[in-house]
PDB file of N, CA and C in Angstrom:
ATOM      1  N   MET A   1       0.850  -1.183   0.000  1.00  0.00           N
ATOM      2  CA  MET A   1       0.000   0.000   0.000  1.00  0.00           C
ATOM      3  C   MET A   1       0.887   1.234   0.000  1.00  0.00           C
ATOM      4  N   ALA A   2       0.528   2.229  -0.784  1.00  0.00           N
ATOM      5  CA  ALA A   2       1.267   3.486  -0.855  1.00  0.00           C
ATOM      6  C   ALA A   2       1.075   4.275   0.433  1.00  0.00           C
ATOM      7  N   THR A   3       2.045   5.116   0.766  1.00  0.00           N
ATOM      8  CA  THR A   3       1.877   5.981   1.926  1.00  0.00           C
ATOM      9  C   THR A   3       0.841   7.042   1.598  1.00  0.00           C
ATOM     10  N   ILE A   4       0.304   7.641   2.617  1.00  0.00           N
ATOM     11  CA  ILE A   4      -0.759   8.619   2.429  1.00  0.00           C
ATOM     12  C   ILE A   4      -0.240  10.004   2.787  1.00  0.00           C
ATOM     13  N   GLY A   5       0.924  10.359   2.300  1.00  0.00           N
ATOM     14  CA  GLY A   5       1.437  11.712   2.421  1.00  0.00           C
ATOM     15  C   GLY A   5       1.498  12.288   3.816  1.00  0.00           C
ATOM     16  N   GLY A   6       1.805  11.479   4.822  1.00  0.00           N
ATOM     17  CA  GLY A   6       1.920  11.984   6.177  1.00  0.00           C
ATOM     18  C   GLY A   6       0.599  12.255   6.865  1.00  0.00           C
ATOM     19  N   MET A   7      -0.515  11.785   6.312  1.00  0.00           N
ATOM     20  CA  MET A   7      -1.815  11.997   6.932  1.00  0.00           C
ATOM     21  C   MET A   7      -1.952  11.146   8.186  1.00  0.00           C
ATOM     22  N   SER A   8      -2.635  11.691   9.186  1.00  0.00           N
ATOM     23  CA  SER A   8      -3.006  10.910  10.362  1.00  0.00           C
ATOM     24  C   SER A   8      -4.519  10.887  10.451  1.00  0.00           C
ATOM     25  N   HIS A   9      -5.021  10.009  11.298  1.00  0.00           N
ATOM     26  CA  HIS A   9      -6.472   9.869  11.488  1.00  0.00           C
ATOM     27  C   HIS A   9      -7.196   9.661  10.162  1.00  0.00           C
ATOM     28  N   ALA A  10      -6.590   8.905   9.257  1.00  0.00           N
ATOM     29  CA  ALA A  10      -7.174   8.704   7.927  1.00  0.00           C
ATOM     30  C   ALA A  10      -8.407   7.815   7.994  1.00  0.00           C
ATOM     31  N   MET A  11      -9.351   8.101   7.108  1.00  0.00           N
ATOM     32  CA  MET A  11     -10.561   7.304   6.951  1.00  0.00           C
ATOM     33  C   MET A  11     -10.723   7.004   5.475  1.00  0.00           C
ATOM     34  N   ALA A  12     -11.107   5.778   5.153  1.00  0.00           N
ATOM     35  CA  ALA A  12     -11.265   5.390   3.757  1.00  0.00           C
ATOM     36  C   ALA A  12     -12.705   4.990   3.483  1.00  0.00           C
ATOM     37  N   PHE A  13     -13.118   5.212   2.234  1.00  0.00           N
ATOM     38  CA  PHE A  13     -14.455   4.870   1.788  1.00  0.00           C
ATOM     39  C   PHE A  13     -14.334   4.423   0.345  1.00  0.00           C
ATOM     40  N   GLU A  14     -14.857   3.243   0.023  1.00  0.00           N
ATOM     41  CA  GLU A  14     -14.796   2.765  -1.352  1.00  0.00           C
ATOM     42  C   GLU A  14     -16.161   2.902  -1.995  1.00  0.00           C
ATOM     43  N   TYR A  15     -16.172   3.436  -3.207  1.00  0.00           N
ATOM     44  CA  TYR A  15     -17.428   3.605  -3.922  1.00  0.00           C
ATOM     45  C   TYR A  15     -17.180   3.499  -5.411  1.00  0.00           C
ATOM     46  N   ASN A  16     -17.955   2.681  -6.079  1.00  0.00           N
ATOM     47  CA  ASN A  16     -17.938   2.577  -7.535  1.00  0.00           C
ATOM     48  C   ASN A  16     -16.530   2.332  -8.088  1.00  0.00           C
ATOM     49  N   GLY A  17     -15.769   1.493  -7.392  1.00  0.00           N
ATOM     50  CA  GLY A  17     -14.439   1.130  -7.861  1.00  0.00           C
ATOM     51  C   GLY A  17     -13.322   2.072  -7.462  1.00  0.00           C
ATOM     52  N   LEU A  18     -13.636   3.170  -6.777  1.00  0.00           N
ATOM     53  CA  LEU A  18     -12.612   4.103  -6.322  1.00  0.00           C
ATOM     54  C   LEU A  18     -12.522   4.083  -4.803  1.00  0.00           C
ATOM     55  N   LEU A  19     -11.300   4.217  -4.303  1.00  0.00           N
ATOM     56  CA  LEU A  19     -11.051   4.342  -2.873  1.00  0.00           C
ATOM     57  C   LEU A  19     -10.801   5.820  -2.578  1.00  0.00           C
ATOM     58  N   TYR A  20     -11.585   6.385  -1.671  1.00  0.00           N
ATOM     59  CA  TYR A  20     -11.432   7.768  -1.232  1.00  0.00           C
ATOM     60  C   TYR A  20     -10.840   7.731   0.165  1.00  0.00           C
ATOM     61  N   VAL A  21      -9.765   8.480   0.385  1.00  0.00           N
ATOM     62  CA  VAL A  21      -9.123   8.543   1.702  1.00  0.00           C
ATOM     63  C   VAL A  21      -9.052  10.003   2.111  1.00  0.00           C
ATOM     64  N   ILE A  22      -9.509  10.281   3.323  1.00  0.00           N
ATOM     65  CA  ILE A  22      -9.426  11.635   3.854  1.00  0.00           C
ATOM     66  C   ILE A  22      -8.709  11.555   5.193  1.00  0.00           C
ATOM     67  N   GLY A  23      -7.818  12.513   5.443  1.00  0.00           N
ATOM     68  CA  GLY A  23      -7.061  12.488   6.680  1.00  0.00           C
ATOM     69  C   GLY A  23      -6.505  13.854   7.041  1.00  0.00           C
ATOM     70  N   TYR A  24      -5.941  13.933   8.228  1.00  0.00           N
ATOM     71  CA  TYR A  24      -5.429  15.182   8.803  1.00  0.00           C
ATOM     72  C   TYR A  24      -3.922  15.313   8.548  1.00  0.00           C
ATOM     73  N   ARG A  25      -3.497  16.498   8.147  1.00  0.00           N
ATOM     74  CA  ARG A  25      -2.068  16.818   8.029  1.00  0.00           C
ATOM     75  C   ARG A  25      -1.918  18.327   8.080  1.00  0.00           C
ATOM     76  N   ALA A  26      -0.946  18.795   8.862  1.00  0.00           N
ATOM     77  CA  ALA A  26      -0.554  20.210   8.896  1.00  0.00           C
ATOM     78  C   ALA A  26      -1.738  21.152   9.107  1.00  0.00           C
ATOM     79  N   GLY A  27      -2.645  20.780  10.006  1.00  0.00           N
ATOM     80  CA  GLY A  27      -3.749  21.660  10.355  1.00  0.00           C
ATOM     81  C   GLY A  27      -4.959  21.578   9.459  1.00  0.00           C
ATOM     82  N   GLY A  28      -4.955  20.689   8.467  1.00  0.00           N
ATOM     83  CA  GLY A  28      -6.093  20.597   7.550  1.00  0.00           C
ATOM     84  C   GLY A  28      -6.504  19.167   7.274  1.00  0.00           C
ATOM     85  N   GLN A  29      -7.661  19.019   6.653  1.00  0.00           N
ATOM     86  CA  GLN A  29      -8.163  17.727   6.202  1.00  0.00           C
ATOM     87  C   GLN A  29      -7.984  17.657   4.686  1.00  0.00           C
ATOM     88  N   TYR A  30      -7.399  16.556   4.201  1.00  0.00           N
ATOM     89  CA  TYR A  30      -7.081  16.389   2.785  1.00  0.00           C
ATOM     90  C   TYR A  30      -7.713  15.112   2.247  1.00  0.00           C
ATOM     91  N   LEU A  31      -8.051  15.117   0.949  1.00  0.00           N
ATOM     92  CA  LEU A  31      -8.662  13.978   0.273  1.00  0.00           C
ATOM     93  C   LEU A  31      -7.743  13.442  -0.811  1.00  0.00           C
ATOM     94  N   ARG A  32      -7.652  12.108  -0.899  1.00  0.00           N
ATOM     95  CA  ARG A  32      -6.957  11.422  -1.996  1.00  0.00           C
ATOM     96  C   ARG A  32      -7.896  10.367  -2.565  1.00  0.00           C
ATOM     97  N   ARG A  33      -7.650   9.985  -3.849  1.00  0.00           N
ATOM     98  CA  ARG A  33      -8.459   8.960  -4.520  1.00  0.00           C
ATOM     99  C   ARG A  33      -7.537   7.935  -5.170  1.00  0.00           C
ATOM    100  N   SER A  34      -7.997   6.691  -5.201  1.00  0.00           N
ATOM    101  CA  SER A  34      -7.210   5.613  -5.797  1.00  0.00           C
ATOM    102  C   SER A  34      -8.124   4.678  -6.564  1.00  0.00           C
ATOM    103  N   ALA A  35      -7.649   4.203  -7.707  1.00  0.00           N
ATOM    104  CA  ALA A  35      -8.397   3.217  -8.490  1.00  0.00           C
ATOM    105  C   ALA A  35      -7.828   1.817  -8.301  1.00  0.00           C
ATOM    106  N   ASP A  36      -6.757   1.687  -7.513  1.00  0.00           N
ATOM    107  CA  ASP A  36      -6.116   0.384  -7.328  1.00  0.00           C
ATOM    108  C   ASP A  36      -5.930   0.036  -5.855  1.00  0.00           C
ATOM    109  N   GLY A  37      -6.890   0.410  -5.043  1.00  0.00           N
ATOM    110  CA  GLY A  37      -6.865   0.038  -3.627  1.00  0.00           C
ATOM    111  C   GLY A  37      -5.810   0.743  -2.803  1.00  0.00           C
ATOM    112  N   GLY A  38      -5.276   1.861  -3.268  1.00  0.00           N
ATOM    113  CA  GLY A  38      -4.301   2.636  -2.514  1.00  0.00           C
ATOM    114  C   GLY A  38      -2.858   2.384  -2.910  1.00  0.00           C
ATOM    115  N   ARG A  39      -2.629   1.548  -3.914  1.00  0.00           N
ATOM    116  CA  ARG A  39      -1.245   1.330  -4.363  1.00  0.00           C
ATOM    117  C   ARG A  39      -0.713   2.564  -5.092  1.00  0.00           C
ATOM    118  N   GLY A  40      -1.588   3.308  -5.720  1.00  0.00           N
ATOM    119  CA  GLY A  40      -1.229   4.552  -6.395  1.00  0.00           C
ATOM    120  C   GLY A  40      -2.388   5.523  -6.270  1.00  0.00           C
ATOM    121  N   TRP A  41      -2.105   6.803  -6.506  1.00  0.00           N
ATOM    122  CA  TRP A  41      -3.122   7.843  -6.301  1.00  0.00           C
ATOM    123  C   TRP A  41      -3.472   8.512  -7.617  1.00  0.00           C
ATOM    124  N   LEU A  42      -4.779   8.709  -7.833  1.00  0.00           N
ATOM    125  CA  LEU A  42      -5.256   9.412  -9.018  1.00  0.00           C
ATOM    126  C   LEU A  42      -4.908  10.884  -8.908  1.00  0.00           C
ATOM    127  N   ARG A  43      -4.688  11.504 -10.016  1.00  0.00           N
ATOM    128  CA  ARG A  43      -4.381  12.941 -10.046  1.00  0.00           C
ATOM    129  C   ARG A  43      -5.665  13.731 -10.291  1.00  0.00           C
ATOM    130  N   PHE A  44      -5.718  14.895  -9.664  1.00  0.00           N
ATOM    131  CA  PHE A  44      -6.804  15.832  -9.919  1.00  0.00           C
ATOM    132  C   PHE A  44      -6.454  16.656 -11.153  1.00  0.00           C
ATOM    133  N   ALA A  45      -7.358  17.483 -11.600  1.00  0.00           N
ATOM    134  CA  ALA A  45      -7.167  18.257 -12.833  1.00  0.00           C
ATOM    135  C   ALA A  45      -5.908  19.116 -12.801  1.00  0.00           C
ATOM    136  N   ASP A  46      -5.505  19.592 -11.611  1.00  0.00           N
ATOM    137  CA  ASP A  46      -4.313  20.438 -11.512  1.00  0.00           C
ATOM    138  C   ASP A  46      -3.022  19.624 -11.371  1.00  0.00           C
ATOM    139  N   GLY A  47      -3.115  18.292 -11.458  1.00  0.00           N
ATOM    140  CA  GLY A  47      -1.949  17.427 -11.357  1.00  0.00           C
ATOM    141  C   GLY A  47      -1.610  16.959  -9.952  1.00  0.00           C
ATOM    142  N   SER A  48      -2.303  17.475  -8.943  1.00  0.00           N
ATOM    143  CA  SER A  48      -2.020  17.083  -7.560  1.00  0.00           C
ATOM    144  C   SER A  48      -2.659  15.736  -7.235  1.00  0.00           C
ATOM    145  N   GLU A  49      -2.103  15.068  -6.220  1.00  0.00           N
ATOM    146  CA  GLU A  49      -2.653  13.795  -5.758  1.00  0.00           C
ATOM    147  C   GLU A  49      -3.657  13.977  -4.625  1.00  0.00           C
ATOM    148  N   GLU A  50      -3.753  15.173  -4.067  1.00  0.00           N
ATOM    149  CA  GLU A  50      -4.688  15.399  -2.977  1.00  0.00           C
ATOM    150  C   GLU A  50      -5.254  16.809  -3.049  1.00  0.00           C
ATOM    151  N   LYS A  51      -6.414  16.956  -2.410  1.00  0.00           N
ATOM    152  CA  LYS A  51      -7.092  18.251  -2.351  1.00  0.00           C
ATOM    153  C   LYS A  51      -7.399  18.597  -0.904  1.00  0.00           C
ATOM    154  N   LEU A  52      -7.209  19.856  -0.571  1.00  0.00           N
ATOM    155  CA  LEU A  52      -7.569  20.368   0.740  1.00  0.00           C
ATOM    156  C   LEU A  52      -9.088  20.455   0.829  1.00  0.00           C
ATOM    157  N   VAL A  53      -9.646  19.888   1.890  1.00  0.00           N
ATOM    158  CA  VAL A  53     -11.077  19.975   2.143  1.00  0.00           C
ATOM    159  C   VAL A  53     -11.360  21.136   3.090  1.00  0.00           C
ATOM    160  N   ALA A  54     -10.617  21.201   4.204  1.00  0.00           N
ATOM    161  CA  ALA A  54     -10.874  22.231   5.212  1.00  0.00           C
ATOM    162  C   ALA A  54      -9.598  22.596   5.946  1.00  0.00           C
ATOM    163  N   LEU A  55      -9.443  23.881   6.206  1.00  0.00           N
ATOM    164  CA  LEU A  55      -8.308  24.415   6.944  1.00  0.00           C
ATOM    165  C   LEU A  55      -8.793  25.649   7.683  1.00  0.00           C
ATOM    166  N   PRO A  56      -8.595  25.781   8.967  1.00  0.00           N
ATOM    167  CA  PRO A  56      -7.999  24.810   9.881  1.00  0.00           C
ATOM    168  C   PRO A  56      -9.015  23.745  10.255  1.00  0.00           C
ATOM    169  N   ALA A  57      -8.509  22.647  10.778  1.00  0.00           N
ATOM    170  CA  ALA A  57      -9.353  21.554  11.245  1.00  0.00           C
ATOM    171  C   ALA A  57      -8.703  20.960  12.485  1.00  0.00           C
ATOM    172  N   ASP A  58      -9.525  20.470  13.392  1.00  0.00           N
ATOM    173  CA  ASP A  58      -8.990  19.794  14.568  1.00  0.00           C
ATOM    174  C   ASP A  58      -8.323  18.490  14.138  1.00  0.00           C
ATOM    175  N   GLU A  59      -7.338  18.054  14.908  1.00  0.00           N
ATOM    176  CA  GLU A  59      -6.646  16.804  14.599  1.00  0.00           C
ATOM    177  C   GLU A  59      -7.495  15.635  15.077  1.00  0.00           C
ATOM    178  N   GLN A  60      -8.528  15.356  14.307  1.00  0.00           N
ATOM    179  CA  GLN A  60      -9.420  14.241  14.588  1.00  0.00           C
ATOM    180  C   GLN A  60      -9.807  13.601  13.263  1.00  0.00           C
ATOM    181  N   ARG A  61     -10.347  12.414  13.363  1.00  0.00           N
ATOM    182  CA  ARG A  61     -10.820  11.754  12.152  1.00  0.00           C
ATOM    183  C   ARG A  61     -12.028  12.511  11.602  1.00  0.00           C
ATOM    184  N   VAL A  62     -12.067  12.657  10.320  1.00  0.00           N
ATOM    185  CA  VAL A  62     -13.198  13.284   9.648  1.00  0.00           C
ATOM    186  C   VAL A  62     -14.139  12.171   9.206  1.00  0.00           C
ATOM    187  N   ALA A  63     -15.400  12.470   9.093  1.00  0.00           N
ATOM    188  CA  ALA A  63     -16.366  11.442   8.728  1.00  0.00           C
ATOM    189  C   ALA A  63     -16.979  11.706   7.363  1.00  0.00           C
ATOM    190  N   PHE A  64     -16.989  10.689   6.508  1.00  0.00           N
ATOM    191  CA  PHE A  64     -17.779  10.779   5.288  1.00  0.00           C
ATOM    192  C   PHE A  64     -19.226  10.674   5.711  1.00  0.00           C
ATOM    193  N   VAL A  65     -20.006  11.661   5.355  1.00  0.00           N
ATOM    194  CA  VAL A  65     -21.403  11.665   5.731  1.00  0.00           C
ATOM    195  C   VAL A  65     -22.230  11.009   4.635  1.00  0.00           C
ATOM    196  N   LYS A  66     -21.945  11.372   3.376  1.00  0.00           N
ATOM    197  CA  LYS A  66     -22.739  10.852   2.278  1.00  0.00           C
ATOM    198  C   LYS A  66     -21.921  10.909   0.998  1.00  0.00           C
ATOM    199  N   MET A  67     -22.170   9.974   0.124  1.00  0.00           N
ATOM    200  CA  MET A  67     -21.603  10.020  -1.206  1.00  0.00           C
ATOM    201  C   MET A  67     -22.731   9.664  -2.148  1.00  0.00           C
ATOM    202  N   ALA A  68     -23.239  10.657  -2.857  1.00  0.00           N
ATOM    203  CA  ALA A  68     -24.391  10.425  -3.722  1.00  0.00           C
ATOM    204  C   ALA A  68     -24.011   9.463  -4.840  1.00  0.00           C
ATOM    205  N   THR A  69     -23.152   9.886  -5.744  1.00  0.00           N
ATOM    206  CA  THR A  69     -22.598   9.022  -6.785  1.00  0.00           C
ATOM    207  C   THR A  69     -21.282   9.629  -7.215  1.00  0.00           C
ATOM    208  N   GLN A  70     -20.411   8.797  -7.738  1.00  0.00           N
ATOM    209  CA  GLN A  70     -19.114   9.296  -8.204  1.00  0.00           C
ATOM    210  C   GLN A  70     -19.337  10.427  -9.194  1.00  0.00           C
ATOM    211  N   GLY A  71     -18.599  11.507  -9.017  1.00  0.00           N
ATOM    212  CA  GLY A  71     -18.735  12.649  -9.902  1.00  0.00           C
ATOM    213  C   GLY A  71     -19.841  13.599  -9.512  1.00  0.00           C
ATOM    214  N   ARG A  72     -20.600  13.272  -8.476  1.00  0.00           N
ATOM    215  CA  ARG A  72     -21.691  14.160  -8.077  1.00  0.00           C
ATOM    216  C   ARG A  72     -21.401  14.801  -6.736  1.00  0.00           C
ATOM    217  N   ALA A  73     -21.789  14.187  -5.627  1.00  0.00           N
ATOM    218  CA  ALA A  73     -21.632  14.867  -4.340  1.00  0.00           C
ATOM    219  C   ALA A  73     -20.894  14.020  -3.314  1.00  0.00           C
ATOM    220  N   LEU A  74     -19.790  14.546  -2.835  1.00  0.00           N
ATOM    221  CA  LEU A  74     -19.102  14.013  -1.662  1.00  0.00           C
ATOM    222  C   LEU A  74     -19.444  14.961  -0.524  1.00  0.00           C
ATOM    223  N   VAL A  75     -19.839  14.430   0.608  1.00  0.00           N
ATOM    224  CA  VAL A  75     -20.183  15.249   1.762  1.00  0.00           C
ATOM    225  C   VAL A  75     -19.377  14.744   2.956  1.00  0.00           C
ATOM    226  N   VAL A  76     -18.652  15.645   3.625  1.00  0.00           N
ATOM    227  CA  VAL A  76     -17.855  15.249   4.788  1.00  0.00           C
ATOM    228  C   VAL A  76     -18.125  16.189   5.953  1.00  0.00           C
ATOM    229  N   GLY A  77     -17.964  15.646   7.149  1.00  0.00           N
ATOM    230  CA  GLY A  77     -18.038  16.455   8.361  1.00  0.00           C
ATOM    231  C   GLY A  77     -16.636  16.650   8.900  1.00  0.00           C
ATOM    232  N   VAL A  78     -16.282  17.877   9.239  1.00  0.00           N
ATOM    233  CA  VAL A  78     -14.954  18.208   9.746  1.00  0.00           C
ATOM    234  C   VAL A  78     -15.097  18.816  11.143  1.00  0.00           C
ATOM    235  N   ALA A  79     -14.341  18.259  12.107  1.00  0.00           N
ATOM    236  CA  ALA A  79     -14.411  18.747  13.480  1.00  0.00           C
ATOM    237  C   ALA A  79     -13.702  20.087  13.614  1.00  0.00           C
ATOM    238  N   ARG A  80     -14.419  21.059  14.151  1.00  0.00           N
ATOM    239  CA  ARG A  80     -13.869  22.351  14.573  1.00  0.00           C
ATOM    240  C   ARG A  80     -14.540  22.661  15.895  1.00  0.00           C
ATOM    241  N   PHE A  81     -13.855  22.316  16.973  1.00  0.00           N
ATOM    242  CA  PHE A  81     -14.435  22.430  18.302  1.00  0.00           C
ATOM    243  C   PHE A  81     -15.063  23.798  18.508  1.00  0.00           C
ATOM    244  N   PRO A  82     -16.290  23.870  18.981  1.00  0.00           N
ATOM    245  CA  PRO A  82     -17.141  22.809  19.504  1.00  0.00           C
ATOM    246  C   PRO A  82     -18.119  22.256  18.464  1.00  0.00           C
ATOM    247  N   ASP A  83     -17.901  22.514  17.186  1.00  0.00           N
ATOM    248  CA  ASP A  83     -18.844  22.133  16.149  1.00  0.00           C
ATOM    249  C   ASP A  83     -18.263  21.101  15.195  1.00  0.00           C
ATOM    250  N   VAL A  84     -19.121  20.556  14.360  1.00  0.00           N
ATOM    251  CA  VAL A  84     -18.728  19.769  13.192  1.00  0.00           C
ATOM    252  C   VAL A  84     -19.284  20.514  11.991  1.00  0.00           C
ATOM    253  N   GLU A  85     -18.404  20.898  11.070  1.00  0.00           N
ATOM    254  CA  GLU A  85     -18.820  21.650   9.890  1.00  0.00           C
ATOM    255  C   GLU A  85     -18.935  20.713   8.701  1.00  0.00           C
ATOM    256  N   ILE A  86     -19.874  20.994   7.820  1.00  0.00           N
ATOM    257  CA  ILE A  86     -20.146  20.148   6.663  1.00  0.00           C
ATOM    258  C   ILE A  86     -19.560  20.794   5.409  1.00  0.00           C
ATOM    259  N   TYR A  87     -18.839  19.980   4.617  1.00  0.00           N
ATOM    260  CA  TYR A  87     -18.244  20.413   3.353  1.00  0.00           C
ATOM    261  C   TYR A  87     -18.771  19.519   2.239  1.00  0.00           C
ATOM    262  N   VAL A  88     -19.035  20.114   1.076  1.00  0.00           N
ATOM    263  CA  VAL A  88     -19.611  19.397  -0.054  1.00  0.00           C
ATOM    264  C   VAL A  88     -18.763  19.638  -1.301  1.00  0.00           C
ATOM    265  N   SER A  89     -18.505  18.554  -2.028  1.00  0.00           N
ATOM    266  CA  SER A  89     -17.859  18.641  -3.334  1.00  0.00           C
ATOM    267  C   SER A  89     -18.796  18.025  -4.364  1.00  0.00           C
ATOM    268  N   ARG A  90     -19.077  18.761  -5.415  1.00  0.00           N
ATOM    269  CA  ARG A  90     -19.948  18.267  -6.480  1.00  0.00           C
ATOM    270  C   ARG A  90     -19.155  17.865  -7.716  1.00  0.00           C
ATOM    271  N   ASP A  91     -17.818  17.874  -7.585  1.00  0.00           N
ATOM    272  CA  ASP A  91     -16.964  17.529  -8.727  1.00  0.00           C
ATOM    273  C   ASP A  91     -15.904  16.491  -8.342  1.00  0.00           C
ATOM    274  N   ASP A  92     -16.324  15.497  -7.546  1.00  0.00           N
ATOM    275  CA  ASP A  92     -15.486  14.371  -7.141  1.00  0.00           C
ATOM    276  C   ASP A  92     -14.224  14.795  -6.407  1.00  0.00           C
ATOM    277  N   GLY A  93     -14.328  15.854  -5.605  1.00  0.00           N
ATOM    278  CA  GLY A  93     -13.226  16.275  -4.757  1.00  0.00           C
ATOM    279  C   GLY A  93     -12.346  17.382  -5.301  1.00  0.00           C
ATOM    280  N   GLU A  94     -12.611  17.850  -6.507  1.00  0.00           N
ATOM    281  CA  GLU A  94     -11.806  18.928  -7.086  1.00  0.00           C
ATOM    282  C   GLU A  94     -11.928  20.224  -6.275  1.00  0.00           C
ATOM    283  N   THR A  95     -13.148  20.587  -5.895  1.00  0.00           N
ATOM    284  CA  THR A  95     -13.381  21.805  -5.117  1.00  0.00           C
ATOM    285  C   THR A  95     -14.358  21.477  -3.984  1.00  0.00           C
ATOM    286  N   TRP A  96     -14.319  22.299  -2.930  1.00  0.00           N
ATOM    287  CA  TRP A  96     -15.141  22.077  -1.752  1.00  0.00           C
ATOM    288  C   TRP A  96     -15.828  23.365  -1.323  1.00  0.00           C
ATOM    289  N   ASP A  97     -17.100  23.258  -0.935  1.00  0.00           N
ATOM    290  CA  ASP A  97     -17.878  24.374  -0.393  1.00  0.00           C
ATOM    291  C   ASP A  97     -18.340  23.998   0.995  1.00  0.00           C
ATOM    292  N   GLY A  98     -18.503  24.992   1.829  1.00  0.00           N
ATOM    293  CA  GLY A  98     -19.065  24.746   3.156  1.00  0.00           C
ATOM    294  C   GLY A  98     -18.260  25.386   4.245  1.00  0.00           C
ATOM    295  N   GLY A  99     -18.556  24.910   5.444  1.00  0.00           N
ATOM    296  CA  GLY A  99     -17.830  25.412   6.587  1.00  0.00           C
ATOM    297  C   GLY A  99     -18.647  26.224   7.504  1.00  0.00           C
TER     298      GLY A  99
END
């Protein structure tokens, strides 16, 4: 399995043949995607292997709340004491709205 770029508290979710991994690093929550079970990482449109979901974020595991369908809506909850904020991506993790 490939390393996950120094992420801690990582959580994985598999959907429609893709593995989505979200985890904490350097004060933020980041998302990565894999088509081969984590042996390699898919690139986003800008060439990066991961996308920032939320910054700042508490150093805790983030929860996938819902995944409508690949390419449509990813929804995650990010801990920011004393709240949990909801972030939504409608383009398979390329961009995120919420907070």
